Amino acid sequence: MLLKITSMQAQEFTLEYNIGYGLYNMSKMKDFLSNAAGSSLKGVQTTDKFPGNFTHNFRAGVQIQQHQVGITFSHQNTSGQNHLADATGEYRLKVKNSGNQLGTFYRFHLLTERFSPFFELSTGLVFNTCKMEEYVRVDSQVQEENGTLTGVNVFLQPAIGVRYKITTFAAIIASVGYEWDPVGNLHLKGDRKQKSSYDANWSGLRVSAGIVTYFKMK
């Protein structure tokens, strides 16, 4: 059985889905909320500080013996909020960040057997959308303002993991890594000249698990 599985690994097309969890730096976004809370109405508190959240990752690649290369797409999101409410009114500033990753990956499997640890490196771009919503209500008077920032980050993500091949055509996989966004910027949507002093920094720990399917290439 092991010999059969090993022979199937000679050259294969792979499809992969992973669900994971990420922690996000977002330091400048946190500073933005903190500064906004200090300069707005007395008593405003930062209630959400861009917490970690689930991630979704899709991959397509080619594996030749111990080497696997391909393309990767991921989605991640988080949000922050300042808030104050009492009997006379309400104030809310909500910042929603979403990032869609598109890049390439290389994975080196230490073994060609059913169970194998691996090293991995991914790199590419993160396409950011940052939606800001400000809401003020005093008695029956309501005022709302909305704005959207967009931008592109460069990311680099090393990881280590393990793969266990349950059949000749499917495997389960788990990994832990760290995403680093060394370059990033945001600007007003539709106007690149209106640059923001804040950015969406997705740097942080990543853990994930998923399933890989294999298709023999002739």
Protein backbone atom coordinates (compact mmCIF):
# COMPACT_ATOMS: atom_id res chain seq x y z
CA MET A 1 0.00 0.00 0.00
CA LEU A 2 2.80 2.44 0.86
CA LEU A 3 4.53 1.70 -2.42
CA LYS A 4 1.34 2.47 -4.28
CA ILE A 5 0.90 5.78 -2.46
CA THR A 6 4.53 6.71 -3.11
CA SER A 7 4.21 5.99 -6.82
CA MET A 8 1.12 8.21 -7.02
CA GLN A 9 3.19 11.10 -5.69
CA ALA A 10 5.49 11.18 -8.70
CA GLN A 11 3.54 13.96 -10.44
CA GLU A 12 0.13 15.11 -9.23
CA PHE A 13 -2.22 18.07 -9.50
CA THR A 14 -3.45 19.16 -6.05
CA LEU A 15 -6.49 21.08 -4.79
CA GLU A 16 -6.57 22.18 -1.17
CA TYR A 17 -8.87 23.92 1.30
CA ASN A 18 -7.81 25.10 4.77
CA ILE A 19 -9.72 26.78 7.56
CA GLY A 20 -7.63 28.56 10.14
CA TYR A 21 -7.29 31.30 12.69
CA GLY A 22 -5.18 34.43 12.51
CA LEU A 23 -3.95 37.11 14.90
CA TYR A 24 -3.51 40.58 13.38
CA ASN A 25 -1.12 43.38 14.28
CA MET A 26 -3.20 46.37 13.07
CA SER A 27 -1.11 48.70 15.26
CA LYS A 28 -1.85 51.88 13.29
CA MET A 29 -5.54 51.07 13.15
CA LYS A 30 -5.56 50.57 16.92
CA ASP A 31 -3.82 53.95 17.31
CA PHE A 32 -6.46 55.54 15.07
CA LEU A 33 -9.29 54.27 17.29
CA SER A 34 -7.47 55.26 20.47
CA ASN A 35 -6.81 58.79 19.19
CA ALA A 36 -10.38 59.12 17.93
CA ALA A 37 -11.76 58.03 21.31
CA GLY A 38 -9.61 60.60 23.12
CA SER A 39 -10.67 63.47 20.88
CA SER A 40 -14.40 62.73 20.65
CA LEU A 41 -17.18 62.71 23.25
CA LYS A 42 -16.25 62.14 26.88
CA GLY A 43 -16.73 58.53 27.88
CA VAL A 44 -16.21 56.96 24.45
CA GLN A 45 -14.53 53.56 24.81
CA THR A 46 -12.79 51.30 22.31
CA THR A 47 -14.89 48.14 22.52
CA ASP A 48 -13.28 46.12 19.69
CA LYS A 49 -9.56 46.20 18.94
CA PHE A 50 -9.22 44.20 15.72
CA PRO A 51 -9.27 40.74 17.32
CA GLY A 52 -8.14 37.53 15.69
CA ASN A 53 -10.59 35.78 13.41
CA PHE A 54 -11.10 32.76 11.16
CA THR A 55 -9.30 32.55 7.81
CA HIS A 56 -10.16 30.63 4.64
CA ASN A 57 -7.52 29.44 2.19
CA PHE A 58 -7.77 27.76 -1.23
CA ARG A 59 -4.79 26.36 -3.14
CA ALA A 60 -4.06 24.72 -6.46
CA GLY A 61 -0.68 23.25 -7.25
CA VAL A 62 1.52 20.55 -8.66
CA GLN A 63 3.47 18.06 -6.56
CA ILE A 64 6.50 16.27 -7.97
CA GLN A 65 7.92 13.85 -5.39
CA GLN A 66 8.84 16.03 -2.37
CA HIS A 67 8.30 19.39 -4.07
CA GLN A 68 4.96 21.20 -4.30
CA VAL A 69 4.34 24.59 -5.92
CA GLY A 70 1.20 26.49 -6.79
CA ILE A 71 -1.09 29.46 -6.26
CA THR A 72 -2.86 30.43 -3.06
CA PHE A 73 -5.92 32.56 -2.27
CA SER A 74 -7.00 33.52 1.26
CA HIS A 75 -9.65 35.68 2.88
CA GLN A 76 -9.35 37.29 6.32
CA ASN A 77 -11.25 40.00 8.17
CA THR A 78 -11.41 41.83 11.49
CA SER A 79 -12.91 45.02 12.90
CA GLY A 80 -12.54 47.72 15.54
CA GLN A 81 -15.07 49.96 17.22
CA ASN A 82 -15.45 53.00 19.48
CA HIS A 83 -18.82 53.26 21.22
CA LEU A 84 -20.82 55.27 23.74
CA ALA A 85 -24.54 55.06 24.49
CA ASP A 86 -26.88 56.41 27.16
CA ALA A 87 -30.48 57.57 27.48
CA THR A 88 -29.87 60.76 25.46
CA GLY A 89 -28.07 59.32 22.46
CA GLU A 90 -25.41 57.12 20.93
CA TYR A 91 -22.02 57.47 19.24
CA ARG A 92 -20.34 54.71 17.22
CA LEU A 93 -17.24 54.56 15.02
CA LYS A 94 -16.86 51.22 13.27
CA VAL A 95 -13.84 50.16 11.17
CA LYS A 96 -14.18 46.93 9.16
CA ASN A 97 -11.07 45.51 7.51
CA SER A 98 -11.04 42.70 4.98
CA GLY A 99 -8.04 41.35 3.10
CA ASN A 100 -7.93 39.03 0.09
CA GLN A 101 -4.57 37.37 -0.45
CA LEU A 102 -3.34 36.19 -3.82
CA GLY A 103 0.09 34.67 -4.18
CA THR A 104 2.28 31.65 -4.77
CA PHE A 105 3.58 28.96 -2.43
CA TYR A 106 6.37 26.41 -2.29
CA ARG A 107 6.19 23.41 0.01
CA PHE A 108 8.96 20.88 0.66
CA HIS A 109 7.89 17.53 2.11
CA LEU A 110 10.59 15.87 4.17
CA LEU A 111 9.26 12.41 3.32
CA THR A 112 7.45 10.76 0.40
CA GLU A 113 5.54 8.40 2.68
CA ARG A 114 1.97 8.60 3.95
CA PHE A 115 2.98 10.83 6.90
CA SER A 116 5.32 13.72 6.21
CA PRO A 117 6.35 16.97 7.92
CA PHE A 118 6.91 19.90 5.57
CA PHE A 119 8.34 23.40 5.29
CA GLU A 120 6.49 26.07 3.35
CA LEU A 121 6.91 29.62 2.09
CA SER A 122 4.14 31.79 0.61
CA THR A 123 4.37 35.28 -0.82
CA GLY A 124 2.15 37.65 -2.78
CA LEU A 125 -0.25 40.55 -2.39
CA VAL A 126 -3.08 41.43 0.01
CA PHE A 127 -5.91 43.47 -1.50
CA ASN A 128 -7.40 45.52 1.36
CA THR A 129 -10.80 47.11 1.86
CA CYS A 130 -11.31 49.26 4.95
CA LYS A 131 -14.84 50.53 5.59
CA MET A 132 -15.34 53.31 8.16
CA GLU A 133 -18.78 54.08 9.51
CA GLU A 134 -19.49 56.91 11.99
CA TYR A 135 -22.92 57.21 13.60
CA VAL A 136 -24.17 59.92 15.97
CA ARG A 137 -27.65 60.13 17.51
CA VAL A 138 -28.75 62.87 19.90
CA ASP A 139 -32.38 62.47 20.92
CA SER A 140 -34.13 62.02 17.55
CA GLN A 141 -31.39 63.65 15.45
CA VAL A 142 -29.17 61.22 13.53
CA GLN A 143 -26.00 61.91 11.56
CA GLU A 144 -24.02 59.29 9.64
CA GLU A 145 -20.78 59.37 7.65
CA ASN A 146 -19.23 56.53 5.66
CA GLY A 147 -15.94 56.14 3.84
CA THR A 148 -13.91 53.39 2.21
CA LEU A 149 -10.15 52.99 1.97
CA THR A 150 -8.42 50.51 -0.30
CA GLY A 151 -4.81 49.47 -0.79
CA VAL A 152 -2.35 46.66 -1.44
CA ASN A 153 0.10 44.98 0.94
CA VAL A 154 3.03 42.69 0.17
CA PHE A 155 3.09 39.60 2.40
CA LEU A 156 5.58 36.85 3.25
CA GLN A 157 4.51 33.79 5.24
CA PRO A 158 6.83 30.96 6.33
CA ALA A 159 5.18 27.90 7.91
CA ILE A 160 5.79 24.37 9.11
CA GLY A 161 3.25 21.56 9.11
CA VAL A 162 2.38 17.91 8.70
CA ARG A 163 0.46 15.96 6.08
CA TYR A 164 -1.18 12.56 6.50
CA LYS A 165 -2.33 10.83 3.33
CA ILE A 166 -5.49 8.86 4.12
CA THR A 167 -5.90 7.44 0.59
CA THR A 168 -4.08 7.69 -2.73
CA PHE A 169 -6.23 10.72 -3.62
CA ALA A 170 -6.78 12.60 -0.32
CA ALA A 171 -4.84 13.83 2.71
CA ILE A 172 -5.41 15.88 5.83
CA ILE A 173 -3.01 18.71 6.59
CA ALA A 174 -2.20 21.07 9.47
CA SER A 175 0.27 23.94 9.74
CA VAL A 176 1.42 26.88 11.85
CA GLY A 177 3.13 29.97 10.47
CA TYR A 178 3.59 33.71 10.68
CA GLU A 179 2.44 36.29 8.15
CA TRP A 180 4.64 39.36 7.76
CA ASP A 181 3.41 42.40 5.82
CA PRO A 182 6.54 44.55 5.29
CA VAL A 183 4.86 46.89 2.79
CA GLY A 184 1.33 48.28 2.91
CA ASN A 185 -0.70 51.42 2.30
CA LEU A 186 -4.28 52.65 2.13
CA HIS A 187 -5.87 55.43 0.14
CA LEU A 188 -9.36 56.79 -0.46
CA LYS A 189 -11.27 54.46 -2.75
CA GLY A 190 -11.16 55.82 -6.29
CA ASP A 191 -8.48 58.43 -5.51
CA ARG A 192 -4.93 57.18 -5.05
CA LYS A 193 -3.71 60.71 -4.29
CA GLN A 194 -5.75 60.80 -1.06
CA LYS A 195 -3.41 58.60 0.97
CA SER A 196 -4.15 57.55 4.54
CA SER A 197 -1.64 57.77 7.37
CA TYR A 198 -2.93 54.39 8.58
CA ASP A 199 -2.50 50.96 7.06
CA ALA A 200 -3.98 47.48 7.45
CA ASN A 201 -1.13 45.41 8.86
CA TRP A 202 -2.14 41.73 8.86
CA SER A 203 1.14 40.52 10.40
CA GLY A 204 0.65 37.80 12.99
CA LEU A 205 0.38 34.11 13.88
CA ARG A 206 -1.51 31.75 11.56
CA VAL A 207 -2.74 28.22 12.33
CA SER A 208 -4.77 26.12 9.91
CA ALA A 209 -6.00 22.64 9.05
CA GLY A 210 -7.62 21.26 5.95
CA ILE A 211 -7.84 18.65 3.24
CA VAL A 212 -5.84 18.06 0.05
CA THR A 213 -7.05 16.12 -2.99
CA TYR A 214 -4.68 14.60 -5.57
CA PHE A 215 -5.17 14.02 -9.28
CA LYS A 216 -2.63 11.94 -11.17
CA MET A 217 -1.08 13.76 -14.12
CA LYS A 218 -0.26 11.69 -17.19
